[in-house]
Amino acid sequence: MIEHVASAITTASGIKLDPVSSSASWFADTNWHKEDGNGYGGESMLVTVNCCEMQGDSVPNHDDWRSLLDAASDAAKERGLASFAIESGIEGCNGLEKCWRVIAHATDGVQWLSLTIEDRALDTSGDAGREADRLGLPIAAVHLTYGATVVEAGAKDRFAKAMEPFVGLERPEATTSD
């Protein structure tokens, strides 16, 4: 899935996204995280994987960011995800036209892709560029990651049995009891 969207980004923008780490390590044990609770005060049988990072070391002209997002959305939809939705409330941003960083997510409720387009040189305060220098980050980059939350290995039958009483019911708001 991530390679498909990365390929669409390359086709749309000419920017090649490469794996940040070896793709052989993407699903290593260190990338899997057990959920702390189920949101209702009980044990969770879910685990989350955050992995599969790809990055390009440049960005298209700012006027072309929307077409990059559209191409990524089309590719995500081809793989069963929703279109990329731009995250709201990004610091230093006043609509896509005024942003130095855009963060967007595409999901199907279980798995997701996160896409970041950033050109720190567009930050008029200079703070983003100084942060990049301090942390050794690129000034401009396109970054794509994949994640999913799934039932932990060996718990499928136990999970299905635990869910039986709730099938067909509306899901209540989670508590903060975890």
C-alpha atoms as a PDB file:
ATOM      1  CA  MET A   1       0.000   0.000   0.000  1.00  0.00           C
ATOM      2  CA  ILE A   2       2.667   2.523   0.995  1.00  0.00           C
ATOM      3  CA  GLU A   3       4.715   1.742  -2.125  1.00  0.00           C
ATOM      4  CA  HIS A   4       1.621   2.291  -4.297  1.00  0.00           C
ATOM      5  CA  VAL A   5       0.983   5.737  -2.814  1.00  0.00           C
ATOM      6  CA  ALA A   6       4.702   6.605  -2.937  1.00  0.00           C
ATOM      7  CA  SER A   7       4.739   5.691  -6.622  1.00  0.00           C
ATOM      8  CA  ALA A   8       1.737   7.958  -7.255  1.00  0.00           C
ATOM      9  CA  ILE A   9       3.525  10.805  -5.464  1.00  0.00           C
ATOM     10  CA  THR A  10       6.602  10.268  -7.654  1.00  0.00           C
ATOM     11  CA  THR A  11       4.501  10.234 -10.814  1.00  0.00           C
ATOM     12  CA  ALA A  12       2.660  13.423  -9.799  1.00  0.00           C
ATOM     13  CA  SER A  13       5.642  15.384  -8.512  1.00  0.00           C
ATOM     14  CA  GLY A  14       8.845  13.782  -9.771  1.00  0.00           C
ATOM     15  CA  ILE A  15       9.938  13.325  -6.156  1.00  0.00           C
ATOM     16  CA  LYS A  16      11.134   9.795  -5.383  1.00  0.00           C
ATOM     17  CA  LEU A  17      10.339   8.537  -1.898  1.00  0.00           C
ATOM     18  CA  ASP A  18      12.841   6.084  -0.449  1.00  0.00           C
ATOM     19  CA  PRO A  19      12.533   3.913   2.666  1.00  0.00           C
ATOM     20  CA  VAL A  20      13.925   5.656   5.750  1.00  0.00           C
ATOM     21  CA  SER A  21      15.003   2.252   7.078  1.00  0.00           C
ATOM     22  CA  SER A  22      15.301  -1.133   5.423  1.00  0.00           C
ATOM     23  CA  SER A  23      11.890  -2.420   4.373  1.00  0.00           C
ATOM     24  CA  ALA A  24      12.945  -5.764   5.886  1.00  0.00           C
ATOM     25  CA  SER A  25      12.706  -4.113   9.329  1.00  0.00           C
ATOM     26  CA  TRP A  26       9.325  -2.450   8.828  1.00  0.00           C
ATOM     27  CA  PHE A  27       7.370  -5.105  10.740  1.00  0.00           C
ATOM     28  CA  ALA A  28      10.045  -5.852  13.347  1.00  0.00           C
ATOM     29  CA  ASP A  29       8.888  -6.498  16.912  1.00  0.00           C
ATOM     30  CA  THR A  30      10.052  -3.020  17.982  1.00  0.00           C
ATOM     31  CA  ASN A  31       7.420  -1.412  15.733  1.00  0.00           C
ATOM     32  CA  TRP A  32       4.482  -3.194  17.437  1.00  0.00           C
ATOM     33  CA  HIS A  33       2.859  -1.597  20.474  1.00  0.00           C
ATOM     34  CA  LYS A  34       0.269  -3.199  22.757  1.00  0.00           C
ATOM     35  CA  GLU A  35      -2.711  -0.991  23.533  1.00  0.00           C
ATOM     36  CA  ASP A  36      -2.821   0.088  27.194  1.00  0.00           C
ATOM     37  CA  GLY A  37      -6.549  -0.511  27.556  1.00  0.00           C
ATOM     38  CA  ASN A  38      -9.726  -0.901  25.579  1.00  0.00           C
ATOM     39  CA  GLY A  39     -11.091   2.575  26.363  1.00  0.00           C
ATOM     40  CA  TYR A  40     -13.757   1.192  28.699  1.00  0.00           C
ATOM     41  CA  GLY A  41     -11.623   0.100  31.641  1.00  0.00           C
ATOM     42  CA  GLY A  42     -10.694  -3.361  30.392  1.00  0.00           C
ATOM     43  CA  GLU A  43      -7.799  -5.143  28.768  1.00  0.00           C
ATOM     44  CA  SER A  44      -7.223  -4.593  25.068  1.00  0.00           C
ATOM     45  CA  MET A  45      -6.463  -7.387  22.635  1.00  0.00           C
ATOM     46  CA  LEU A  46      -5.294  -4.897  20.032  1.00  0.00           C
ATOM     47  CA  VAL A  47      -1.793  -4.009  18.928  1.00  0.00           C
ATOM     48  CA  THR A  48      -0.674  -1.104  16.782  1.00  0.00           C
ATOM     49  CA  VAL A  49       2.136  -1.120  14.271  1.00  0.00           C
ATOM     50  CA  ASN A  50       3.740   2.147  13.200  1.00  0.00           C
ATOM     51  CA  CYS A  51       6.216   1.485  10.468  1.00  0.00           C
ATOM     52  CA  CYS A  52       7.073   1.729   6.847  1.00  0.00           C
ATOM     53  CA  GLU A  53       8.493   5.226   6.594  1.00  0.00           C
ATOM     54  CA  MET A  54       9.397   6.674   3.207  1.00  0.00           C
ATOM     55  CA  GLN A  55      10.818  10.112   2.487  1.00  0.00           C
ATOM     56  CA  GLY A  56      11.737  12.306  -0.453  1.00  0.00           C
ATOM     57  CA  ASP A  57      14.360  14.993   0.055  1.00  0.00           C
ATOM     58  CA  SER A  58      12.576  17.802  -1.775  1.00  0.00           C
ATOM     59  CA  VAL A  59       9.070  19.177  -2.301  1.00  0.00           C
ATOM     60  CA  PRO A  60       7.242  20.397  -5.376  1.00  0.00           C
ATOM     61  CA  ASN A  61       6.530  24.068  -5.870  1.00  0.00           C
ATOM     62  CA  HIS A  62       4.037  25.114  -3.178  1.00  0.00           C
ATOM     63  CA  ASP A  63       1.368  25.708  -5.842  1.00  0.00           C
ATOM     64  CA  ASP A  64       1.588  21.980  -6.680  1.00  0.00           C
ATOM     65  CA  TRP A  65       1.055  20.641  -3.152  1.00  0.00           C
ATOM     66  CA  ARG A  66      -2.683  20.178  -3.797  1.00  0.00           C
ATOM     67  CA  SER A  67      -2.026  18.054  -6.909  1.00  0.00           C
ATOM     68  CA  LEU A  68       0.415  15.898  -4.901  1.00  0.00           C
ATOM     69  CA  LEU A  69      -2.266  15.410  -2.219  1.00  0.00           C
ATOM     70  CA  ASP A  70      -4.857  14.598  -4.880  1.00  0.00           C
ATOM     71  CA  ALA A  71      -2.593  11.995  -6.514  1.00  0.00           C
ATOM     72  CA  ALA A  72      -1.863  10.437  -3.109  1.00  0.00           C
ATOM     73  CA  SER A  73      -5.608  10.394  -2.349  1.00  0.00           C
ATOM     74  CA  ASP A  74      -6.431   8.679  -5.627  1.00  0.00           C
ATOM     75  CA  ALA A  75      -3.810   6.000  -4.929  1.00  0.00           C
ATOM     76  CA  ALA A  76      -5.029   5.536  -1.338  1.00  0.00           C
ATOM     77  CA  LYS A  77      -8.618   5.120  -2.550  1.00  0.00           C
ATOM     78  CA  GLU A  78      -7.426   2.467  -5.035  1.00  0.00           C
ATOM     79  CA  ARG A  79      -6.203   0.505  -1.992  1.00  0.00           C
ATOM     80  CA  GLY A  80      -9.423   0.943   0.013  1.00  0.00           C
ATOM     81  CA  LEU A  81      -8.560   3.954   2.156  1.00  0.00           C
ATOM     82  CA  ALA A  82     -10.395   7.268   2.218  1.00  0.00           C
ATOM     83  CA  SER A  83      -8.902  10.352   0.594  1.00  0.00           C
ATOM     84  CA  PHE A  84      -6.181  12.149   2.504  1.00  0.00           C
ATOM     85  CA  ALA A  85      -7.722  14.665   4.909  1.00  0.00           C
ATOM     86  CA  ILE A  86      -5.592  17.620   5.932  1.00  0.00           C
ATOM     87  CA  GLU A  87      -5.090  17.864   9.671  1.00  0.00           C
ATOM     88  CA  SER A  88      -6.566  21.050  11.077  1.00  0.00           C
ATOM     89  CA  GLY A  89      -4.933  23.369  13.557  1.00  0.00           C
ATOM     90  CA  ILE A  90      -1.398  23.143  12.190  1.00  0.00           C
ATOM     91  CA  GLU A  91       0.742  25.810  13.843  1.00  0.00           C
ATOM     92  CA  GLY A  92       1.705  28.697  11.577  1.00  0.00           C
ATOM     93  CA  CYS A  93      -0.880  27.719   8.991  1.00  0.00           C
ATOM     94  CA  ASN A  94      -3.750  29.687   7.550  1.00  0.00           C
ATOM     95  CA  GLY A  95      -5.181  27.402   4.897  1.00  0.00           C
ATOM     96  CA  LEU A  96      -3.135  25.294   2.486  1.00  0.00           C
ATOM     97  CA  GLU A  97      -1.914  28.380   0.639  1.00  0.00           C
ATOM     98  CA  LYS A  98      -0.164  29.795   3.702  1.00  0.00           C
ATOM     99  CA  CYS A  99       1.356  26.609   5.140  1.00  0.00           C
ATOM    100  CA  TRP A 100       4.989  25.605   5.301  1.00  0.00           C
ATOM    101  CA  ARG A 101       3.858  22.171   6.520  1.00  0.00           C
ATOM    102  CA  VAL A 102       0.815  20.121   5.591  1.00  0.00           C
ATOM    103  CA  ILE A 103      -0.045  16.917   7.428  1.00  0.00           C
ATOM    104  CA  ALA A 104      -2.751  14.672   6.019  1.00  0.00           C
ATOM    105  CA  HIS A 105      -4.109  11.219   6.863  1.00  0.00           C
ATOM    106  CA  ALA A 106      -5.948   8.537   4.893  1.00  0.00           C
ATOM    107  CA  THR A 107      -7.605   5.677   6.763  1.00  0.00           C
ATOM    108  CA  ASP A 108     -10.129   2.882   6.569  1.00  0.00           C
ATOM    109  CA  GLY A 109     -10.579   2.821  10.348  1.00  0.00           C
ATOM    110  CA  VAL A 110      -8.017   0.050  10.877  1.00  0.00           C
ATOM    111  CA  GLN A 111      -4.987   1.089   8.867  1.00  0.00           C
ATOM    112  CA  TRP A 112      -3.750   4.491   7.847  1.00  0.00           C
ATOM    113  CA  LEU A 113      -1.214   6.455   5.896  1.00  0.00           C
ATOM    114  CA  SER A 114       0.160   9.773   7.102  1.00  0.00           C
ATOM    115  CA  LEU A 115       1.602  12.216   4.590  1.00  0.00           C
ATOM    116  CA  THR A 116       3.636  15.289   5.477  1.00  0.00           C
ATOM    117  CA  ILE A 117       4.787  17.886   2.967  1.00  0.00           C
ATOM    118  CA  GLU A 118       7.020  20.517   4.471  1.00  0.00           C
ATOM    119  CA  ASP A 119       9.228  23.305   3.259  1.00  0.00           C
ATOM    120  CA  ARG A 120      10.751  24.925   6.301  1.00  0.00           C
ATOM    121  CA  ALA A 121      12.135  27.751   4.154  1.00  0.00           C
ATOM    122  CA  LEU A 122       8.529  29.006   3.824  1.00  0.00           C
ATOM    123  CA  ASP A 123       8.260  29.586   7.594  1.00  0.00           C
ATOM    124  CA  THR A 124       8.596  33.358   7.788  1.00  0.00           C
ATOM    125  CA  SER A 125       9.566  33.227  11.472  1.00  0.00           C
ATOM    126  CA  GLY A 126      12.662  31.160  10.677  1.00  0.00           C
ATOM    127  CA  ASP A 127      11.917  28.855  13.629  1.00  0.00           C
ATOM    128  CA  ALA A 128      11.333  25.800  11.436  1.00  0.00           C
ATOM    129  CA  GLY A 129      14.654  26.238   9.656  1.00  0.00           C
ATOM    130  CA  ARG A 130      16.519  26.647  12.940  1.00  0.00           C
ATOM    131  CA  GLU A 131      14.812  23.502  14.271  1.00  0.00           C
ATOM    132  CA  ALA A 132      15.867  21.585  11.142  1.00  0.00           C
ATOM    133  CA  ASP A 133      19.471  22.699  11.610  1.00  0.00           C
ATOM    134  CA  ARG A 134      19.447  21.790  15.301  1.00  0.00           C
ATOM    135  CA  LEU A 135      17.909  18.334  14.734  1.00  0.00           C
ATOM    136  CA  GLY A 136      19.615  17.511  11.440  1.00  0.00           C
ATOM    137  CA  LEU A 137      16.300  17.453   9.534  1.00  0.00           C
ATOM    138  CA  PRO A 138      15.891  18.300   5.860  1.00  0.00           C
ATOM    139  CA  ILE A 139      14.668  21.799   5.058  1.00  0.00           C
ATOM    140  CA  ALA A 140      12.189  20.376   2.550  1.00  0.00           C
ATOM    141  CA  ALA A 141      10.743  16.855   2.444  1.00  0.00           C
ATOM    142  CA  VAL A 142       7.775  14.670   1.619  1.00  0.00           C
ATOM    143  CA  HIS A 143       7.273  12.023   4.303  1.00  0.00           C
ATOM    144  CA  LEU A 144       4.893   9.030   4.170  1.00  0.00           C
ATOM    145  CA  THR A 145       4.232   6.482   6.938  1.00  0.00           C
ATOM    146  CA  TYR A 146       1.943   3.493   7.425  1.00  0.00           C
ATOM    147  CA  GLY A 147       0.254   2.142  10.544  1.00  0.00           C
ATOM    148  CA  ALA A 148      -2.506  -0.242  11.562  1.00  0.00           C
ATOM    149  CA  THR A 149      -4.285  -1.472  14.663  1.00  0.00           C
ATOM    150  CA  VAL A 150      -5.080  -5.183  14.614  1.00  0.00           C
ATOM    151  CA  VAL A 151      -6.004  -8.025  16.952  1.00  0.00           C
ATOM    152  CA  GLU A 152      -2.880  -9.393  18.611  1.00  0.00           C
ATOM    153  CA  ALA A 153      -1.485 -12.694  17.393  1.00  0.00           C
ATOM    154  CA  GLY A 154      -3.312 -15.683  18.838  1.00  0.00           C
ATOM    155  CA  ALA A 155      -6.264 -13.666  20.170  1.00  0.00           C
ATOM    156  CA  LYS A 156      -8.619 -13.782  17.168  1.00  0.00           C
ATOM    157  CA  ASP A 157     -11.059 -16.347  18.619  1.00  0.00           C
ATOM    158  CA  ARG A 158     -10.996 -14.771  22.093  1.00  0.00           C
ATOM    159  CA  PHE A 159     -11.581 -11.343  20.534  1.00  0.00           C
ATOM    160  CA  ALA A 160     -14.521 -12.581  18.438  1.00  0.00           C
ATOM    161  CA  LYS A 161     -16.118 -14.228  21.495  1.00  0.00           C
ATOM    162  CA  ALA A 162     -15.662 -11.083  23.603  1.00  0.00           C
ATOM    163  CA  MET A 163     -17.296  -8.968  20.866  1.00  0.00           C
ATOM    164  CA  GLU A 164     -20.363 -11.215  20.379  1.00  0.00           C
ATOM    165  CA  PRO A 165     -22.617  -9.442  22.936  1.00  0.00           C
ATOM    166  CA  PHE A 166     -21.939  -6.080  21.276  1.00  0.00           C
ATOM    167  CA  VAL A 167     -22.496  -6.952  17.611  1.00  0.00           C
ATOM    168  CA  GLY A 168     -25.149  -4.647  16.152  1.00  0.00           C
ATOM    169  CA  LEU A 169     -25.099  -2.195  19.065  1.00  0.00           C
ATOM    170  CA  GLU A 170     -24.057   1.432  18.754  1.00  0.00           C
ATOM    171  CA  ARG A 171     -20.579   1.999  20.121  1.00  0.00           C
ATOM    172  CA  PRO A 172     -20.593   4.137  23.285  1.00  0.00           C
ATOM    173  CA  GLU A 173     -18.098   6.906  23.974  1.00  0.00           C
ATOM    174  CA  ALA A 174     -14.893   5.602  25.513  1.00  0.00           C
ATOM    175  CA  THR A 175     -14.155   6.423  29.132  1.00  0.00           C
ATOM    176  CA  THR A 176     -10.894   7.653  30.563  1.00  0.00           C
ATOM    177  CA  SER A 177     -10.691   4.744  33.000  1.00  0.00           C
ATOM    178  CA  ASP A 178      -7.655   3.220  31.281  1.00  0.00           C
END
